[in-house]
Amino acid sequence: MNCCICGPVKNCASFLPKVLENIEKIGSIFNDYKIVLFYDKSQDNTLDLLKKYQINNSKLIFYINEKPVSYFVLIE
């Protein structure tokens, strides 16, 4: 593997297809690449989209965070 593209995902279903398309473009300039994403529980269908994408692109590896990694909370 020549490149590893990593990042977090949460509540980004509406943006995820375009982001993954752009990641594929970046990955295409390398001989090989992996996409590693860390999913936090979302209130949209982000997880469903990741699962569907992974069926068609084995370069995606994603981890589901079962418990909060940070104790900081966004106060609205």
N, C-alpha and C. Protein backbone atom coordinates (compact mmCIF):
# COMPACT_ATOMS: atom_id res chain seq x y z
N MET A 1 0.85 -1.17 0.00
CA MET A 1 0.00 0.00 0.00
C MET A 1 0.89 1.24 0.00
N ASN A 2 0.54 2.20 -0.82
CA ASN A 2 1.29 3.43 -0.93
C ASN A 2 0.66 4.60 -0.21
N CYS A 3 -0.66 4.54 0.04
CA CYS A 3 -1.35 5.68 0.62
C CYS A 3 -2.49 5.19 1.51
N CYS A 4 -2.66 5.86 2.61
CA CYS A 4 -3.77 5.57 3.51
C CYS A 4 -4.49 6.89 3.80
N ILE A 5 -5.76 6.94 3.44
CA ILE A 5 -6.56 8.15 3.64
C ILE A 5 -7.50 7.86 4.80
N CYS A 6 -7.39 8.64 5.88
CA CYS A 6 -8.13 8.37 7.10
C CYS A 6 -9.00 9.57 7.51
N GLY A 7 -10.04 9.28 8.31
CA GLY A 7 -10.84 10.37 8.82
C GLY A 7 -12.05 9.87 9.61
N PRO A 8 -12.68 10.78 10.34
CA PRO A 8 -13.90 10.44 11.08
C PRO A 8 -15.14 10.73 10.23
N VAL A 9 -16.22 10.02 10.49
CA VAL A 9 -17.49 10.30 9.83
C VAL A 9 -18.62 10.26 10.85
N LYS A 10 -19.48 11.27 10.78
CA LYS A 10 -20.66 11.33 11.64
C LYS A 10 -21.64 12.31 11.02
N ASN A 11 -22.88 11.86 10.85
CA ASN A 11 -23.94 12.70 10.30
C ASN A 11 -23.53 13.40 9.00
N CYS A 12 -22.96 12.63 8.09
CA CYS A 12 -22.49 13.24 6.84
C CYS A 12 -23.04 12.54 5.61
N ALA A 13 -24.17 11.88 5.74
CA ALA A 13 -24.74 11.10 4.63
C ALA A 13 -24.92 11.93 3.36
N SER A 14 -25.34 13.16 3.50
CA SER A 14 -25.59 13.96 2.30
C SER A 14 -24.31 14.33 1.56
N PHE A 15 -23.19 14.33 2.25
CA PHE A 15 -21.90 14.69 1.64
C PHE A 15 -21.05 13.47 1.29
N LEU A 16 -21.34 12.33 1.91
CA LEU A 16 -20.46 11.17 1.83
C LEU A 16 -20.21 10.67 0.40
N PRO A 17 -21.20 10.55 -0.46
CA PRO A 17 -20.90 10.06 -1.81
C PRO A 17 -19.87 10.92 -2.55
N LYS A 18 -19.98 12.22 -2.46
CA LYS A 18 -19.02 13.10 -3.15
C LYS A 18 -17.65 13.03 -2.50
N VAL A 19 -17.61 12.94 -1.17
CA VAL A 19 -16.33 12.82 -0.46
C VAL A 19 -15.62 11.54 -0.88
N LEU A 20 -16.35 10.43 -0.91
CA LEU A 20 -15.74 9.16 -1.30
C LEU A 20 -15.29 9.19 -2.76
N GLU A 21 -16.05 9.85 -3.61
CA GLU A 21 -15.65 10.02 -5.01
C GLU A 21 -14.32 10.78 -5.11
N ASN A 22 -14.19 11.84 -4.32
CA ASN A 22 -12.95 12.63 -4.32
C ASN A 22 -11.79 11.84 -3.73
N ILE A 23 -12.06 11.04 -2.71
CA ILE A 23 -11.01 10.20 -2.13
C ILE A 23 -10.51 9.20 -3.17
N GLU A 24 -11.42 8.63 -3.95
CA GLU A 24 -11.02 7.71 -5.02
C GLU A 24 -10.11 8.40 -6.03
N LYS A 25 -10.41 9.63 -6.35
CA LYS A 25 -9.57 10.39 -7.29
C LYS A 25 -8.17 10.58 -6.72
N ILE A 26 -8.10 10.92 -5.44
CA ILE A 26 -6.78 11.07 -4.79
C ILE A 26 -6.05 9.73 -4.78
N GLY A 27 -6.76 8.68 -4.40
CA GLY A 27 -6.15 7.35 -4.34
C GLY A 27 -5.65 6.87 -5.68
N SER A 28 -6.30 7.29 -6.75
CA SER A 28 -5.93 6.81 -8.08
C SER A 28 -4.54 7.26 -8.53
N ILE A 29 -3.97 8.27 -7.88
CA ILE A 29 -2.63 8.70 -8.27
C ILE A 29 -1.54 7.84 -7.63
N PHE A 30 -1.94 6.91 -6.75
CA PHE A 30 -1.01 5.99 -6.10
C PHE A 30 -1.18 4.59 -6.69
N ASN A 31 -0.15 3.76 -6.52
CA ASN A 31 -0.24 2.38 -6.99
C ASN A 31 -1.31 1.61 -6.22
N ASP A 32 -1.44 1.91 -4.96
CA ASP A 32 -2.44 1.25 -4.11
C ASP A 32 -2.79 2.20 -2.98
N TYR A 33 -4.01 2.08 -2.47
CA TYR A 33 -4.42 2.93 -1.37
C TYR A 33 -5.50 2.24 -0.55
N LYS A 34 -5.69 2.70 0.66
CA LYS A 34 -6.76 2.24 1.55
C LYS A 34 -7.47 3.47 2.09
N ILE A 35 -8.75 3.30 2.37
CA ILE A 35 -9.55 4.34 3.02
C ILE A 35 -9.92 3.80 4.39
N VAL A 36 -9.51 4.49 5.44
CA VAL A 36 -9.81 4.05 6.81
C VAL A 36 -10.65 5.14 7.46
N LEU A 37 -11.89 4.79 7.81
CA LEU A 37 -12.80 5.76 8.41
C LEU A 37 -13.25 5.27 9.78
N PHE A 38 -13.48 6.21 10.66
CA PHE A 38 -13.97 5.92 12.00
C PHE A 38 -15.36 6.52 12.13
N TYR A 39 -16.34 5.66 12.27
CA TYR A 39 -17.74 6.06 12.31
C TYR A 39 -18.21 6.25 13.75
N ASP A 40 -18.79 7.41 14.02
CA ASP A 40 -19.47 7.66 15.29
C ASP A 40 -20.96 7.61 15.04
N LYS A 41 -21.70 7.15 16.00
CA LYS A 41 -23.15 7.00 15.83
C LYS A 41 -23.78 8.27 15.29
N SER A 42 -24.45 8.09 14.15
CA SER A 42 -25.05 9.22 13.44
C SER A 42 -26.56 9.17 13.55
N GLN A 43 -27.16 10.30 13.26
CA GLN A 43 -28.62 10.38 13.26
C GLN A 43 -29.17 10.32 11.83
N ASP A 44 -28.32 10.02 10.88
CA ASP A 44 -28.74 9.86 9.49
C ASP A 44 -28.28 8.49 9.00
N ASN A 45 -28.28 8.27 7.70
CA ASN A 45 -27.93 6.96 7.16
C ASN A 45 -26.46 6.83 6.74
N THR A 46 -25.59 7.52 7.44
CA THR A 46 -24.16 7.44 7.14
C THR A 46 -23.66 6.00 7.17
N LEU A 47 -24.03 5.24 8.19
CA LEU A 47 -23.55 3.86 8.31
C LEU A 47 -24.04 3.00 7.14
N ASP A 48 -25.28 3.15 6.74
CA ASP A 48 -25.80 2.40 5.61
C ASP A 48 -25.02 2.70 4.34
N LEU A 49 -24.71 3.96 4.13
CA LEU A 49 -23.93 4.35 2.95
C LEU A 49 -22.53 3.75 2.98
N LEU A 50 -21.90 3.72 4.15
CA LEU A 50 -20.57 3.13 4.27
C LEU A 50 -20.61 1.64 3.92
N LYS A 51 -21.63 0.95 4.43
CA LYS A 51 -21.76 -0.49 4.17
C LYS A 51 -21.97 -0.75 2.67
N LYS A 52 -22.81 0.04 2.03
CA LYS A 52 -23.05 -0.13 0.59
C LYS A 52 -21.80 0.17 -0.22
N TYR A 53 -21.10 1.22 0.17
CA TYR A 53 -19.87 1.59 -0.55
C TYR A 53 -18.82 0.48 -0.42
N GLN A 54 -18.72 -0.09 0.78
CA GLN A 54 -17.71 -1.13 1.03
C GLN A 54 -17.95 -2.37 0.17
N ILE A 55 -19.20 -2.66 -0.15
CA ILE A 55 -19.52 -3.82 -1.01
C ILE A 55 -18.87 -3.64 -2.38
N ASN A 56 -18.87 -2.41 -2.89
CA ASN A 56 -18.33 -2.13 -4.22
C ASN A 56 -16.87 -1.71 -4.23
N ASN A 57 -16.33 -1.35 -3.08
CA ASN A 57 -14.95 -0.90 -3.01
C ASN A 57 -14.29 -1.51 -1.77
N SER A 58 -13.52 -2.55 -1.98
CA SER A 58 -12.87 -3.25 -0.87
C SER A 58 -11.74 -2.44 -0.24
N LYS A 59 -11.43 -1.30 -0.81
CA LYS A 59 -10.37 -0.46 -0.24
C LYS A 59 -10.83 0.24 1.03
N LEU A 60 -12.14 0.25 1.28
CA LEU A 60 -12.68 0.91 2.47
C LEU A 60 -12.66 -0.03 3.66
N ILE A 61 -12.09 0.46 4.74
CA ILE A 61 -12.14 -0.19 6.04
C ILE A 61 -12.75 0.84 6.98
N PHE A 62 -13.79 0.45 7.71
CA PHE A 62 -14.32 1.40 8.67
C PHE A 62 -14.54 0.74 10.02
N TYR A 63 -14.35 1.53 11.04
CA TYR A 63 -14.50 1.07 12.42
C TYR A 63 -15.67 1.83 13.03
N ILE A 64 -16.46 1.12 13.81
CA ILE A 64 -17.59 1.74 14.49
C ILE A 64 -17.20 2.00 15.94
N ASN A 65 -17.19 3.27 16.33
CA ASN A 65 -16.89 3.62 17.71
C ASN A 65 -18.12 3.31 18.56
N GLU A 66 -17.99 2.37 19.47
CA GLU A 66 -19.11 1.97 20.31
C GLU A 66 -19.32 2.89 21.51
N LYS A 67 -18.24 3.53 21.93
CA LYS A 67 -18.37 4.46 23.05
C LYS A 67 -17.64 5.75 22.71
N PRO A 68 -18.07 6.84 23.30
CA PRO A 68 -17.44 8.13 22.98
C PRO A 68 -15.93 8.11 23.24
N VAL A 69 -15.20 8.69 22.33
CA VAL A 69 -13.75 8.77 22.48
C VAL A 69 -13.38 10.00 23.29
N SER A 70 -14.22 11.00 23.23
CA SER A 70 -13.96 12.26 23.91
C SER A 70 -15.10 12.58 24.87
N TYR A 71 -14.75 13.22 25.97
CA TYR A 71 -15.77 13.63 26.94
C TYR A 71 -16.30 15.02 26.65
N PHE A 72 -15.74 15.68 25.63
CA PHE A 72 -16.20 17.00 25.26
C PHE A 72 -17.50 16.90 24.50
N VAL A 73 -18.44 17.73 24.81
CA VAL A 73 -19.75 17.68 24.17
C VAL A 73 -20.06 19.05 23.59
N LEU A 74 -20.61 19.08 22.40
CA LEU A 74 -21.03 20.33 21.79
C LEU A 74 -22.32 20.79 22.46
N ILE A 75 -22.30 21.95 23.04
CA ILE A 75 -23.48 22.51 23.71
C ILE A 75 -24.17 23.45 22.74
N GLU A 76 -25.43 23.18 22.48
CA GLU A 76 -26.16 24.01 21.52
C GLU A 76 -26.97 25.06 22.24
